[in-house]
Amino acid sequence: MKVRRRLARNRKGNSMEFFQSSNQLLETLVVALGAGLGAWGVVNLLEGYGNDNPGANAHVR
């Protein structure tokens, strides 16, 4: 009986460690994804401001 209780405790501890490490990994991935989307948004905003000077366009006659 004592051996089974120890094994059950070890299994619970290992599963909690797994969930904690997977939560940390998911948190890191979400933060990285948010940073990438934020940088992409800033680049898109800056590209949009290039259209307000028609003289800079080579196709304008």
Protein backbone atom coordinates (compact mmCIF):
# COMPACT_ATOMS: atom_id res chain seq x y z
CA MET A 1 0.00 0.00 0.00
CA LYS A 2 2.75 2.45 0.90
CA VAL A 3 4.49 1.90 -2.42
CA ARG A 4 1.31 2.66 -4.35
CA ARG A 5 0.77 5.88 -2.42
CA ARG A 6 4.32 6.97 -3.14
CA LEU A 7 3.91 6.22 -6.83
CA ALA A 8 0.63 8.12 -6.92
CA ARG A 9 2.29 11.12 -5.26
CA ASN A 10 5.19 11.00 -7.71
CA ARG A 11 2.84 10.86 -10.67
CA LYS A 12 0.90 13.87 -9.42
CA GLY A 13 4.09 15.81 -8.84
CA ASN A 14 5.43 15.00 -12.28
CA SER A 15 2.20 15.97 -13.98
CA MET A 16 2.14 19.29 -12.14
CA GLU A 17 5.71 19.98 -13.20
CA PHE A 18 4.73 19.15 -16.77
CA PHE A 19 1.78 21.56 -16.67
CA GLN A 20 3.89 24.31 -15.16
CA SER A 21 6.58 23.94 -17.79
CA SER A 22 4.01 23.76 -20.60
CA ASN A 23 2.29 26.88 -19.24
CA GLN A 24 5.60 28.71 -19.25
CA LEU A 25 6.28 27.61 -22.82
CA LEU A 26 2.82 28.73 -23.98
CA GLU A 27 3.24 32.07 -22.23
CA THR A 28 6.57 32.61 -23.99
CA LEU A 29 5.04 31.73 -27.36
CA VAL A 30 2.10 34.09 -26.86
CA VAL A 31 4.41 36.95 -25.87
CA ALA A 32 6.63 36.31 -28.91
CA LEU A 33 3.61 36.17 -31.20
CA GLY A 34 2.28 39.44 -29.78
CA ALA A 35 5.63 41.15 -30.22
CA GLY A 36 5.84 39.95 -33.82
CA LEU A 37 2.33 41.17 -34.61
CA GLY A 38 3.08 44.50 -32.95
CA ALA A 39 6.22 44.99 -35.02
CA TRP A 40 4.34 44.05 -38.18
CA GLY A 41 1.63 46.60 -37.32
CA VAL A 42 4.19 49.36 -36.79
CA VAL A 43 5.82 48.59 -40.14
CA ASN A 44 2.43 48.67 -41.87
CA LEU A 45 1.62 52.03 -40.28
CA LEU A 46 4.93 53.49 -41.37
CA GLU A 47 4.47 52.19 -44.92
CA GLY A 48 1.08 53.90 -45.11
CA TYR A 49 2.62 57.33 -44.55
CA GLY A 50 4.69 57.04 -47.75
CA ASN A 51 1.68 57.73 -49.98
CA ASP A 52 1.13 61.36 -48.96
CA ASN A 53 3.88 62.74 -51.24
CA PRO A 54 2.94 62.14 -54.88
CA GLY A 55 6.17 63.76 -56.06
CA ALA A 56 8.14 60.86 -54.61
CA ASN A 57 6.38 58.43 -56.97
CA ALA A 58 8.38 57.74 -60.15
CA HIS A 59 5.19 57.09 -62.16
CA VAL A 60 3.75 60.59 -61.66
CA ARG A 61 4.13 62.82 -64.74
